[in-house]
Amino acid sequence: MAHVQYVTDLEGPLTLNDNAFELAAHFLPNGAHFFALISRYDDVLADIVKRSGYRAGDTLKLIVPFLKAFGLCDRDLREFSRKTLKLVPGAREALRRITLQMPTFIISTSYEPYVRAVCDAFEFPFGNAYCTKISLDAYALSAQERQELLNLYNQIVERPQIGIPSGARSLEELSARDRQTVEFLDKIFWKNIWGMEIGRVLREIQPIGGPEKARALREIAQRTGIALAQTIYVGDSITDVEALELVRREGGMALAFNGNGYALRAAEFGCVSANALMLAELAEAFAQGGREHVLHRRFEQAELAVQVDDAFIARSEQMRRRLRGEAIGSLG
């Protein structure tokens, strides 16, 4: 077989969770609505506004002040992550097959306690995983700031969800109400919270999303000495766009697995499947003969596409919601 390597996102290709969403939904009042709203705000800043210094996936630092305000600690993150872990069907066997044949790495925007729980479950070396470092216990929160954050939280959850028209490239394409919500959140995060002591988290926590995933990919290539042209990257969401685009440009295999529109438009290959064993088959085909071998091989248990159209995106997003649930499957 060819000398290749396999690099994958975690949530989506291997697990059904969105750990940060589930933390918010479980521990915060009306937390599912809160997280979905902040996630949409994240999509606007990363994909439409393209705010300087902002990366897709920075939702994971935006919510930290509120996790602190509602009393969460590092132990909560560890225990909740272990108890709620859900795997994509076939994921354990798929990863086992892949790791036996080639160097394998995980690049995840998820918090470190969750990634450690997954690595333990898969018996996968944590040293081969890149993720968002976090310690809630490292940050103090005064009674005054806690009350301010709780007041801000109540204002946030009163806001309706932001609607993002398909293909929107400017704020003007959002409704007037949604533009007001974006301005409202801008003030909360980049003025109110930024000026608090707890605002340190916005400067110090560095989620591994967007360009950070591409940076991690380059670091992996240096570690292994395997070119990106001989690399498979599997992602499914907006945080994977830069990594998928990088591998695609370099001639590797950029694969969106049950991806949303963001990932599918960045990838070269799109795959829709209810079982992660397809990932092992695709990795083995790539190892045997590269992209051309994948292109000309038939796969019975999945739909594989190179020319991704709106209909394929709709089928992929439908599978995404079927496997992971409507709330998680609809996130960016």
Protein backbone atom coordinates (compact mmCIF):
# COMPACT_ATOMS: atom_id res chain seq x y z
CA MET A 1 0.00 0.00 0.00
CA ALA A 2 1.00 3.61 -0.53
CA HIS A 3 2.51 5.58 2.37
CA VAL A 4 -0.50 7.63 3.43
CA GLN A 5 -1.99 9.10 6.60
CA TYR A 6 -5.51 9.63 7.91
CA VAL A 7 -6.65 12.77 9.74
CA THR A 8 -10.21 13.20 10.95
CA ASP A 9 -12.50 15.54 12.77
CA LEU A 10 -14.15 13.93 15.80
CA GLU A 11 -17.75 15.05 16.23
CA GLY A 12 -19.65 13.90 13.14
CA PRO A 13 -17.30 11.40 11.51
CA LEU A 14 -16.72 9.37 14.70
CA THR A 15 -19.12 10.55 17.41
CA LEU A 16 -22.72 11.70 17.42
CA ASN A 17 -22.20 14.33 20.08
CA ASP A 18 -21.84 18.04 19.95
CA ASN A 19 -20.30 18.15 23.39
CA ALA A 20 -20.41 21.92 23.87
CA PHE A 21 -24.05 22.09 22.76
CA GLU A 22 -24.94 19.25 25.12
CA LEU A 23 -23.13 20.90 28.02
CA ALA A 24 -25.09 24.10 27.49
CA ALA A 25 -28.39 22.26 27.02
CA HIS A 26 -27.87 20.22 30.20
CA PHE A 27 -26.45 22.78 32.63
CA LEU A 28 -27.88 26.13 31.43
CA PRO A 29 -31.56 27.17 31.49
CA ASN A 30 -32.82 27.27 27.89
CA GLY A 31 -29.25 26.30 27.04
CA ALA A 32 -30.07 24.60 23.73
CA HIS A 33 -31.53 27.83 22.38
CA PHE A 34 -28.61 29.81 23.80
CA PHE A 35 -25.96 27.60 22.19
CA ALA A 36 -27.73 27.46 18.82
CA LEU A 37 -27.97 31.27 18.78
CA ILE A 38 -24.28 31.72 19.61
CA SER A 39 -23.39 29.07 17.02
CA ARG A 40 -25.31 30.99 14.34
CA TYR A 41 -23.55 34.17 15.46
CA ASP A 42 -20.27 32.26 15.06
CA ASP A 43 -21.26 31.32 11.50
CA VAL A 44 -22.01 34.97 10.70
CA LEU A 45 -18.68 36.24 12.06
CA ALA A 46 -16.61 33.47 10.45
CA ASP A 47 -18.31 33.08 7.07
CA ILE A 48 -20.05 36.39 6.32
CA VAL A 49 -18.40 39.20 8.30
CA LYS A 50 -15.02 37.42 8.30
CA ARG A 51 -14.12 39.32 11.47
CA SER A 52 -10.36 39.79 11.82
CA GLY A 53 -8.87 37.25 14.22
CA TYR A 54 -12.14 35.34 14.51
CA ARG A 55 -12.22 31.62 13.63
CA ALA A 56 -15.05 29.21 12.99
CA GLY A 57 -15.56 27.31 16.22
CA ASP A 58 -14.82 30.24 18.53
CA THR A 59 -18.29 29.56 19.92
CA LEU A 60 -16.39 27.35 22.37
CA LYS A 61 -14.75 30.36 23.99
CA LEU A 62 -17.78 32.65 23.74
CA ILE A 63 -19.84 30.36 25.95
CA VAL A 64 -17.15 29.91 28.65
CA PRO A 65 -18.07 33.00 30.74
CA PHE A 66 -21.62 31.69 30.97
CA LEU A 67 -20.51 28.17 31.88
CA LYS A 68 -18.60 29.80 34.74
CA ALA A 69 -21.57 31.98 35.71
CA PHE A 70 -23.74 28.89 36.13
CA GLY A 71 -21.14 27.24 38.32
CA LEU A 72 -19.51 24.63 36.07
CA CYS A 73 -16.04 23.33 36.88
CA ASP A 74 -13.50 21.05 35.22
CA ARG A 75 -14.93 18.00 36.97
CA ASP A 76 -18.34 18.67 35.40
CA LEU A 77 -16.77 18.71 31.93
CA ARG A 78 -14.91 15.45 32.53
CA GLU A 79 -17.80 13.52 34.05
CA PHE A 80 -20.43 14.78 31.62
CA SER A 81 -18.23 13.96 28.62
CA ARG A 82 -17.70 10.37 29.78
CA LYS A 83 -21.35 9.76 30.62
CA THR A 84 -22.85 11.18 27.41
CA LEU A 85 -20.42 9.81 24.80
CA LYS A 86 -22.21 8.41 21.73
CA LEU A 87 -20.42 6.80 18.79
CA VAL A 88 -21.38 6.75 15.12
CA PRO A 89 -22.34 3.15 14.21
CA GLY A 90 -19.23 1.31 13.05
CA ALA A 91 -16.85 4.04 14.27
CA ARG A 92 -14.89 1.87 16.71
CA GLU A 93 -14.19 -0.83 14.09
CA ALA A 94 -13.49 1.75 11.38
CA LEU A 95 -10.87 3.56 13.45
CA ARG A 96 -9.30 0.25 14.49
CA ARG A 97 -8.91 -0.83 10.85
CA ILE A 98 -7.52 2.53 9.79
CA THR A 99 -4.98 2.81 12.63
CA LEU A 100 -3.64 -0.67 11.84
CA GLN A 101 -2.78 0.46 8.31
CA MET A 102 -1.61 4.07 8.51
CA PRO A 103 -0.66 6.91 10.87
CA THR A 104 -3.94 8.32 12.21
CA PHE A 105 -4.72 11.63 13.89
CA ILE A 106 -7.73 13.50 15.26
CA ILE A 107 -8.15 17.28 14.95
CA SER A 108 -11.15 18.45 16.95
CA THR A 109 -12.56 21.81 18.00
CA SER A 110 -14.03 20.03 21.04
CA TYR A 111 -12.90 20.67 24.59
CA GLU A 112 -9.99 18.54 25.84
CA PRO A 113 -12.00 16.64 28.52
CA TYR A 114 -14.35 15.34 25.83
CA VAL A 115 -11.52 14.40 23.45
CA ARG A 116 -9.76 12.53 26.26
CA ALA A 117 -12.99 10.61 26.97
CA VAL A 118 -13.25 9.64 23.29
CA CYS A 119 -9.60 8.61 23.08
CA ASP A 120 -10.09 6.40 26.14
CA ALA A 121 -13.18 4.82 24.60
CA PHE A 122 -11.38 4.12 21.31
CA GLU A 123 -8.08 3.21 22.98
CA PHE A 124 -6.60 5.90 20.73
CA PRO A 125 -3.38 7.71 21.74
CA PHE A 126 -4.23 11.17 23.05
CA GLY A 127 -0.85 12.35 21.79
CA ASN A 128 -2.26 12.01 18.26
CA ALA A 129 -5.20 14.30 19.02
CA TYR A 130 -5.37 18.09 18.62
CA CYS A 131 -8.16 19.86 20.52
CA THR A 132 -9.23 22.97 22.44
CA LYS A 133 -7.37 23.28 25.74
CA ILE A 134 -9.56 24.54 28.57
CA SER A 135 -9.65 24.76 32.35
CA LEU A 136 -12.71 26.40 33.85
CA ASP A 137 -11.05 26.17 37.26
CA ALA A 138 -8.22 28.43 36.09
CA TYR A 139 -10.54 31.45 35.94
CA ALA A 140 -11.97 33.29 38.93
CA LEU A 141 -15.39 34.94 38.74
CA SER A 142 -16.46 37.64 41.18
CA ALA A 143 -20.02 37.80 42.51
CA GLN A 144 -20.54 41.08 40.67
CA GLU A 145 -19.40 39.74 37.30
CA ARG A 146 -21.42 36.58 37.81
CA GLN A 147 -24.58 38.64 38.28
CA GLU A 148 -23.74 40.77 35.23
CA LEU A 149 -23.29 37.62 33.15
CA LEU A 150 -26.57 36.15 34.36
CA ASN A 151 -28.34 39.37 33.38
CA LEU A 152 -26.71 39.29 29.94
CA TYR A 153 -27.62 35.64 29.56
CA ASN A 154 -31.29 36.37 30.20
CA GLN A 155 -31.19 39.05 27.51
CA ILE A 156 -29.51 36.70 25.02
CA VAL A 157 -32.00 33.85 25.40
CA GLU A 158 -34.88 36.25 24.75
CA ARG A 159 -33.58 36.78 21.23
CA PRO A 160 -34.92 34.63 18.36
CA GLN A 161 -32.56 32.48 16.30
CA ILE A 162 -30.59 34.14 13.51
CA GLY A 163 -31.63 33.09 10.01
CA ILE A 164 -28.81 32.87 7.46
CA PRO A 165 -30.00 32.82 3.81
CA SER A 166 -28.27 30.17 1.70
CA GLY A 167 -25.16 31.60 0.07
CA ALA A 168 -25.32 34.90 2.00
CA ARG A 169 -22.10 36.89 1.59
CA SER A 170 -22.96 40.13 3.43
CA LEU A 171 -24.83 41.26 6.54
CA GLU A 172 -27.26 43.17 4.34
CA GLU A 173 -28.70 39.84 3.20
CA LEU A 174 -29.85 39.10 6.76
CA SER A 175 -33.19 40.44 7.98
CA ALA A 176 -33.25 43.71 9.91
CA ARG A 177 -34.12 41.82 13.09
CA ASP A 178 -31.19 39.44 12.65
CA ARG A 179 -28.77 42.29 11.94
CA GLN A 180 -29.92 43.86 15.21
CA THR A 181 -29.22 40.57 17.01
CA VAL A 182 -25.70 40.46 15.54
CA GLU A 183 -25.08 44.04 16.70
CA PHE A 184 -26.49 43.17 20.13
CA LEU A 185 -24.16 40.17 20.47
CA ASP A 186 -21.21 42.20 19.18
CA LYS A 187 -21.74 44.63 22.07
CA ILE A 188 -22.12 41.86 24.65
CA PHE A 189 -19.01 39.92 23.70
CA TRP A 190 -16.60 42.54 22.39
CA LYS A 191 -17.50 45.38 24.76
CA ASN A 192 -19.31 44.17 27.89
CA ILE A 193 -17.56 40.82 28.50
CA TRP A 194 -14.29 41.92 26.87
CA GLY A 195 -14.00 44.62 29.55
CA MET A 196 -14.61 42.24 32.46
CA GLU A 197 -11.96 40.27 34.31
CA ILE A 198 -13.56 37.07 32.95
CA GLY A 199 -13.07 38.57 29.49
CA ARG A 200 -9.60 37.01 29.65
CA VAL A 201 -11.14 33.83 28.30
CA LEU A 202 -11.90 35.55 25.00
CA ARG A 203 -8.21 36.40 24.64
CA GLU A 204 -6.66 33.27 26.11
CA ILE A 205 -8.74 30.27 25.00
CA GLN A 206 -7.82 29.24 21.46
CA PRO A 207 -10.34 26.82 19.93
CA ILE A 208 -8.93 24.50 17.29
CA GLY A 209 -11.19 25.49 14.43
CA GLY A 210 -10.90 26.98 10.96
CA PRO A 211 -7.30 28.00 10.22
CA GLU A 212 -6.09 26.28 13.40
CA LYS A 213 -7.15 22.93 11.93
CA ALA A 214 -5.14 23.71 8.78
CA ARG A 215 -2.16 24.64 10.97
CA ALA A 216 -2.48 21.34 12.85
CA LEU A 217 -2.55 19.49 9.52
CA ARG A 218 0.74 21.08 8.49
CA GLU A 219 2.23 20.16 11.86
CA ILE A 220 1.12 16.54 11.39
CA ALA A 221 2.73 16.45 7.94
CA GLN A 222 5.99 17.64 9.52
CA ARG A 223 5.74 15.04 12.31
CA THR A 224 5.21 12.12 9.96
CA GLY A 225 7.08 13.27 6.87
CA ILE A 226 3.99 12.34 4.83
CA ALA A 227 2.91 14.98 2.30
CA LEU A 228 -0.58 16.43 2.33
CA ALA A 229 -0.98 14.95 -1.16
CA GLN A 230 -0.87 11.57 0.60
CA THR A 231 -3.28 12.64 3.33
CA ILE A 232 -6.96 11.91 3.84
CA TYR A 233 -8.83 14.58 5.79
CA VAL A 234 -12.38 13.91 6.96
CA GLY A 235 -14.61 16.70 8.24
CA ASP A 236 -18.27 17.60 8.39
CA SER A 237 -18.79 21.25 9.39
CA ILE A 238 -17.75 24.90 9.09
CA THR A 239 -14.75 24.36 11.40
CA ASP A 240 -13.28 21.96 8.79
CA VAL A 241 -13.43 24.29 5.78
CA GLU A 242 -9.80 25.49 5.82
CA ALA A 243 -8.43 21.98 6.46
CA LEU A 244 -10.53 20.50 3.65
CA GLU A 245 -9.50 23.27 1.25
CA LEU A 246 -5.82 22.79 2.13
CA VAL A 247 -5.83 19.04 1.50
CA ARG A 248 -7.83 19.51 -1.69
CA ARG A 249 -5.32 22.09 -3.02
CA GLU A 250 -2.41 19.78 -2.20
CA GLY A 251 -3.97 16.85 -4.08
CA GLY A 252 -4.92 14.71 -1.10
CA MET A 253 -8.37 13.34 -0.34
CA ALA A 254 -10.64 16.02 1.15
CA LEU A 255 -13.78 14.20 2.32
CA ALA A 256 -16.96 15.56 3.90
CA PHE A 257 -18.72 12.72 5.75
CA ASN A 258 -22.41 13.41 6.35
CA GLY A 259 -21.35 17.02 6.07
CA ASN A 260 -23.30 20.22 5.99
CA GLY A 261 -23.14 22.71 3.15
CA TYR A 262 -20.06 24.48 4.52
CA ALA A 263 -17.98 21.29 4.55
CA LEU A 264 -19.34 19.86 1.31
CA ARG A 265 -18.58 23.00 -0.68
CA ALA A 266 -14.98 22.95 0.60
CA ALA A 267 -14.36 19.22 0.10
CA GLU A 268 -13.68 17.32 -3.12
CA PHE A 269 -15.54 14.19 -2.05
CA GLY A 270 -18.87 13.96 -0.27
CA CYS A 271 -20.03 10.77 1.44
CA VAL A 272 -23.45 10.00 2.90
CA SER A 273 -23.63 6.88 5.05
CA ALA A 274 -25.32 5.66 8.22
CA ASN A 275 -22.21 3.65 9.15
CA ALA A 276 -18.66 4.87 9.74
CA LEU A 277 -17.20 1.62 8.36
CA MET A 278 -17.38 3.40 5.01
CA LEU A 279 -14.51 5.57 6.23
CA ALA A 280 -12.28 2.51 6.56
CA GLU A 281 -13.20 1.37 3.05
CA LEU A 282 -12.44 4.81 1.62
CA ALA A 283 -9.13 5.02 3.50
CA GLU A 284 -8.09 1.57 2.26
CA ALA A 285 -9.01 2.47 -1.32
CA PHE A 286 -6.97 5.68 -1.11
CA ALA A 287 -4.00 3.75 0.32
CA GLN A 288 -4.21 1.25 -2.54
CA GLY A 289 -4.28 3.73 -5.40
CA GLY A 290 -4.87 7.33 -4.35
CA ARG A 291 -7.72 9.57 -5.40
CA GLU A 292 -8.10 7.92 -8.81
CA HIS A 293 -8.68 4.52 -7.23
CA VAL A 294 -11.37 6.03 -4.99
CA LEU A 295 -13.00 7.71 -7.98
CA HIS A 296 -13.30 4.48 -9.95
CA ARG A 297 -14.29 2.11 -7.17
CA ARG A 298 -17.90 1.23 -6.36
CA PHE A 299 -19.08 1.43 -2.76
CA GLU A 300 -22.27 -0.43 -1.94
CA GLN A 301 -23.06 0.92 1.53
CA ALA A 302 -22.85 4.65 0.88
CA GLU A 303 -23.43 7.44 -1.57
CA LEU A 304 -20.14 8.97 -2.74
CA ALA A 305 -20.05 12.10 -4.89
CA VAL A 306 -17.40 14.29 -6.45
CA GLN A 307 -19.67 16.83 -8.08
CA VAL A 308 -21.69 18.02 -5.09
CA ASP A 309 -24.95 19.77 -5.94
CA ASP A 310 -27.76 21.19 -3.81
CA ALA A 311 -29.64 17.89 -3.89
CA PHE A 312 -26.63 16.00 -2.55
CA ILE A 313 -26.14 18.60 0.18
CA ALA A 314 -29.80 18.15 1.17
CA ARG A 315 -29.39 14.34 1.39
CA SER A 316 -26.18 14.71 3.41
CA GLU A 317 -27.75 17.16 5.84
CA GLN A 318 -30.78 14.89 6.18
CA MET A 319 -28.52 11.97 7.17
CA ARG A 320 -26.64 14.26 9.54
CA ARG A 321 -29.89 15.17 11.32
CA ARG A 322 -31.12 11.57 11.28
CA LEU A 323 -27.99 10.29 13.02
CA ARG A 324 -27.31 13.15 15.41
CA GLY A 325 -30.76 14.59 16.00
CA GLU A 326 -32.38 17.74 14.65
CA ALA A 327 -30.81 20.17 17.12
CA ILE A 328 -27.19 19.04 16.67
CA GLY A 329 -27.57 18.18 12.99
CA SER A 330 -28.71 21.71 12.20
CA LEU A 331 -25.68 23.43 13.75
CA GLY A 332 -23.02 24.94 11.46
